[in-house]
Amino acid sequence: MPRDAGPDHSRRKERSRQAILEATRDLVVEQSYDKVTVEAIAARAGVGKQTIYRRWPSKSAVVFAAVLALSEGVDGQSVALPDTGDLEVDLKQVMRATAEEFTDPSFDRLIRAVNTEIGNDAGLAAEYREKLSRPLDEAKKARLRKAEQDGELPGGTDLDLFLEMLYAPLFQRWLHRTGPLTPAYADDLVEATLRAFGHRPVVPRTRVSRDGPRSPR
């Protein structure tokens, strides 16, 4: 067996990878994406610059890998939306959590960096769709299919369009900084989207109000 093929070598490589990704996230948050260099990442991680370039072809690829690592293990099976039996309640929980995540300064800087590069790099955009966006969308559509089976959504609902109508306004408001991402706004998006797609609520149901959960109505 070659000297560099044993378990110790594998552990060192993994420690090096984790150090690089952590350093990348920290630097983007501290300095902004434009100011971060591969040299700075290498110095912060305690590795040589070539160690980074052997794994990733560019700074944008390293930054994307750092963001992707936050969701390691994401796939259509390992990620599931809540299922209380009430689609409105479940979607409001998810959308409130999404709005809260996008208002976190650290997350905001990382995702803005990735979106900047996606707009300029078709290859990175394809990788983003394949490794992150598509698996998450499949998990969301699995919950919507369950709602179809339960009679909460009409059969044959265009699930891709449903998700676009639900998430696009929140993303646009975040991207252009046109308004706050509040729990009330998240609730409004859920209610408007469900109305547009002919949602039939379960009875009795538990409603999430703007002040928190309320008893069944």
Protein backbone atom coordinates (compact mmCIF):
# COMPACT_ATOMS: atom_id res chain seq x y z
CA MET A 1 0.00 0.00 0.00
CA PRO A 2 1.39 3.45 -0.87
CA ARG A 3 2.44 5.51 2.12
CA ASP A 4 -0.22 8.14 1.39
CA ALA A 5 -3.13 5.72 0.97
CA GLY A 6 -3.72 4.70 4.57
CA PRO A 7 -6.38 5.85 7.03
CA ASP A 8 -4.06 8.44 8.60
CA HIS A 9 -3.62 10.12 5.23
CA SER A 10 -7.38 10.12 4.65
CA ARG A 11 -7.96 11.71 8.03
CA ARG A 12 -5.35 14.38 7.32
CA LYS A 13 -6.97 15.16 3.98
CA GLU A 14 -10.37 15.47 5.62
CA ARG A 15 -9.01 17.73 8.38
CA SER A 16 -7.38 19.87 5.71
CA ARG A 17 -10.62 20.07 3.72
CA GLN A 18 -12.63 21.07 6.77
CA ALA A 19 -10.04 23.70 7.73
CA ILE A 20 -10.18 25.21 4.24
CA LEU A 21 -13.98 25.34 4.17
CA GLU A 22 -14.20 26.83 7.64
CA ALA A 23 -11.55 29.42 6.80
CA THR A 24 -13.43 30.32 3.62
CA ARG A 25 -16.70 30.87 5.45
CA ASP A 26 -15.04 32.92 8.17
CA LEU A 27 -13.20 35.16 5.72
CA VAL A 28 -16.24 35.82 3.53
CA VAL A 29 -18.22 36.82 6.61
CA GLU A 30 -15.42 38.96 8.02
CA GLN A 31 -14.18 40.66 4.86
CA SER A 32 -16.80 40.23 2.11
CA TYR A 33 -16.39 38.02 -0.94
CA ASP A 34 -14.57 40.54 -3.14
CA LYS A 35 -11.74 40.98 -0.64
CA VAL A 36 -11.13 37.28 -0.01
CA THR A 37 -8.29 35.61 -1.91
CA VAL A 38 -7.20 32.00 -2.22
CA GLU A 39 -3.92 33.03 -0.60
CA ALA A 40 -5.81 34.38 2.42
CA ILE A 41 -7.86 31.19 2.68
CA ALA A 42 -4.72 29.07 2.57
CA ALA A 43 -3.04 31.16 5.25
CA ARG A 44 -6.08 31.03 7.54
CA ALA A 45 -6.44 27.26 7.04
CA GLY A 46 -2.72 26.60 7.54
CA VAL A 47 -2.26 24.91 4.15
CA GLY A 48 -0.42 25.68 0.95
CA LYS A 49 -2.22 27.45 -1.89
CA GLN A 50 -1.67 24.43 -4.14
CA THR A 51 -3.54 22.26 -1.65
CA ILE A 52 -6.61 24.32 -2.41
CA TYR A 53 -6.09 24.35 -6.17
CA ARG A 54 -5.72 20.57 -6.22
CA ARG A 55 -9.28 20.34 -4.94
CA TRP A 56 -11.00 23.39 -6.45
CA PRO A 57 -10.26 25.33 -9.66
CA SER A 58 -11.16 28.80 -8.39
CA LYS A 59 -12.15 30.94 -5.43
CA SER A 60 -15.80 30.73 -6.42
CA ALA A 61 -15.63 26.94 -6.36
CA VAL A 62 -14.15 26.99 -2.86
CA VAL A 63 -16.85 29.36 -1.63
CA PHE A 64 -19.58 27.18 -3.13
CA ALA A 65 -18.04 24.11 -1.50
CA ALA A 66 -18.01 25.96 1.83
CA VAL A 67 -21.72 26.73 1.51
CA LEU A 68 -22.54 23.22 0.30
CA ALA A 69 -20.74 21.75 3.31
CA LEU A 70 -23.29 23.42 5.56
CA SER A 71 -25.88 21.14 3.96
CA GLU A 72 -23.82 17.96 3.67
CA GLY A 73 -26.05 14.93 3.51
CA VAL A 74 -28.86 16.82 1.80
CA ASP A 75 -30.80 14.67 -0.62
CA GLY A 76 -34.40 13.89 -1.42
CA GLN A 77 -34.55 11.17 1.21
CA SER A 78 -32.61 12.61 4.15
CA VAL A 79 -34.42 15.97 4.14
CA ALA A 80 -38.12 16.08 4.83
CA LEU A 81 -40.51 18.93 5.47
CA PRO A 82 -42.65 18.78 8.59
CA ASP A 83 -45.90 16.87 8.20
CA THR A 84 -48.49 17.66 10.85
CA GLY A 85 -51.30 16.81 8.46
CA ASP A 86 -51.93 20.52 7.84
CA LEU A 87 -50.06 21.89 4.84
CA GLU A 88 -50.54 25.56 5.78
CA VAL A 89 -49.08 25.03 9.25
CA ASP A 90 -46.13 23.10 7.83
CA LEU A 91 -45.32 25.61 5.10
CA LYS A 92 -45.50 28.52 7.50
CA GLN A 93 -43.01 26.78 9.76
CA VAL A 94 -40.64 26.24 6.84
CA MET A 95 -41.02 29.73 5.39
CA ARG A 96 -40.53 31.41 8.76
CA ALA A 97 -37.34 29.41 9.24
CA THR A 98 -36.18 30.36 5.73
CA ALA A 99 -36.82 34.05 6.35
CA GLU A 100 -34.93 33.86 9.64
CA GLU A 101 -32.00 32.14 7.96
CA PHE A 102 -31.74 34.80 5.27
CA THR A 103 -31.65 37.55 7.88
CA ASP A 104 -28.62 36.00 9.58
CA PRO A 105 -25.63 38.21 8.61
CA SER A 106 -23.23 35.29 8.22
CA PHE A 107 -25.58 33.31 6.00
CA ASP A 108 -26.47 36.45 4.04
CA ARG A 109 -22.88 37.16 3.02
CA LEU A 110 -22.17 33.57 2.04
CA ILE A 111 -25.27 33.19 -0.09
CA ARG A 112 -24.82 36.57 -1.75
CA ALA A 113 -21.29 35.51 -2.70
CA VAL A 114 -22.54 32.29 -4.24
CA ASN A 115 -25.35 34.03 -6.13
CA THR A 116 -22.92 36.58 -7.54
CA GLU A 117 -20.81 33.80 -9.01
CA ILE A 118 -23.77 31.76 -10.22
CA GLY A 119 -24.80 34.71 -12.35
CA ASN A 120 -21.40 34.72 -14.06
CA ASP A 121 -20.56 31.00 -14.19
CA ALA A 122 -22.90 28.59 -15.96
CA GLY A 123 -20.94 25.60 -14.71
CA LEU A 124 -21.26 26.69 -11.11
CA ALA A 125 -24.97 27.35 -11.64
CA ALA A 126 -25.42 23.80 -12.92
CA GLU A 127 -23.54 22.41 -9.93
CA TYR A 128 -25.69 24.48 -7.57
CA ARG A 129 -28.87 23.11 -9.15
CA GLU A 130 -27.64 19.53 -9.07
CA LYS A 131 -26.11 19.41 -5.60
CA LEU A 132 -28.26 21.76 -3.57
CA SER A 133 -31.30 23.27 -5.26
CA ARG A 134 -32.75 20.13 -6.87
CA PRO A 135 -32.48 17.85 -3.79
CA LEU A 136 -34.12 20.47 -1.61
CA ASP A 137 -36.88 21.05 -4.16
CA GLU A 138 -37.56 17.31 -4.35
CA ALA A 139 -37.98 17.19 -0.58
CA LYS A 140 -40.46 20.07 -0.76
CA LYS A 141 -42.37 18.45 -3.62
CA ALA A 142 -42.65 15.21 -1.66
CA ARG A 143 -44.59 17.11 1.01
CA LEU A 144 -46.77 18.76 -1.62
CA ARG A 145 -47.55 15.38 -3.21
CA LYS A 146 -48.68 14.18 0.22
CA ALA A 147 -50.98 17.22 0.36
CA GLU A 148 -52.41 16.19 -3.01
CA GLN A 149 -53.07 12.69 -1.69
CA ASP A 150 -54.76 14.14 1.39
CA GLY A 151 -57.00 16.36 -0.73
CA GLU A 152 -55.43 19.65 0.41
CA LEU A 153 -54.19 20.44 -3.10
CA PRO A 154 -55.90 19.57 -6.38
CA GLY A 155 -54.49 16.58 -8.20
CA GLY A 156 -52.07 17.50 -10.95
CA THR A 157 -50.89 20.70 -9.25
CA ASP A 158 -47.83 22.14 -10.98
CA LEU A 159 -45.44 21.67 -8.07
CA ASP A 160 -42.53 23.48 -9.69
CA LEU A 161 -44.70 26.54 -10.27
CA PHE A 162 -46.07 26.29 -6.71
CA LEU A 163 -42.55 26.45 -5.27
CA GLU A 164 -41.54 29.30 -7.57
CA MET A 165 -44.56 31.36 -6.53
CA LEU A 166 -43.92 30.61 -2.86
CA TYR A 167 -40.18 31.31 -2.72
CA ALA A 168 -39.47 33.83 -5.49
CA PRO A 169 -40.96 36.89 -3.71
CA LEU A 170 -38.97 36.15 -0.57
CA PHE A 171 -35.79 35.69 -2.59
CA GLN A 172 -36.36 38.90 -4.55
CA ARG A 173 -37.04 40.91 -1.39
CA TRP A 174 -33.83 39.52 0.12
CA LEU A 175 -31.75 40.01 -3.03
CA HIS A 176 -32.81 43.63 -3.61
CA ARG A 177 -33.21 44.50 0.09
CA THR A 178 -36.65 45.93 -0.61
CA GLY A 179 -38.26 45.02 2.70
CA PRO A 180 -37.95 43.04 5.92
CA LEU A 181 -38.18 39.26 5.98
CA THR A 182 -40.56 38.91 8.89
CA PRO A 183 -42.65 35.97 10.12
CA ALA A 184 -45.76 37.89 9.03
CA TYR A 185 -44.37 38.25 5.51
CA ALA A 186 -43.55 34.54 5.40
CA ASP A 187 -47.12 33.74 6.46
CA ASP A 188 -48.54 36.06 3.79
CA LEU A 189 -46.58 34.25 1.08
CA VAL A 190 -47.88 30.87 2.22
CA GLU A 191 -51.49 32.07 2.37
CA ALA A 192 -51.35 33.77 -1.03
CA THR A 193 -49.76 30.76 -2.72
CA LEU A 194 -52.22 28.30 -1.20
CA ARG A 195 -55.16 30.45 -2.33
CA ALA A 196 -53.76 30.65 -5.85
CA PHE A 197 -53.54 26.86 -6.09
CA GLY A 198 -56.95 26.06 -4.66
CA HIS A 199 -55.87 24.81 -1.27
CA ARG A 200 -58.58 22.98 0.67
CA PRO A 201 -57.71 23.15 4.39
CA VAL A 202 -58.14 20.19 6.67
CA VAL A 203 -60.88 20.36 9.29
CA PRO A 204 -60.25 20.69 12.16
CA ARG A 205 -56.89 22.33 11.76
CA THR A 206 -54.29 24.12 13.85
CA ARG A 207 -53.51 27.57 12.57
CA VAL A 208 -50.18 29.36 12.98
CA SER A 209 -51.09 32.98 13.68
CA ARG A 210 -48.73 35.89 13.44
CA ASP A 211 -48.34 35.73 17.21
CA GLY A 212 -47.69 32.01 17.31
CA PRO A 213 -49.76 28.80 17.25
CA ARG A 214 -53.45 29.01 18.04
CA SER A 215 -55.91 26.34 19.01
CA PRO A 216 -57.92 24.54 16.29
CA ARG A 217 -60.63 26.61 14.69
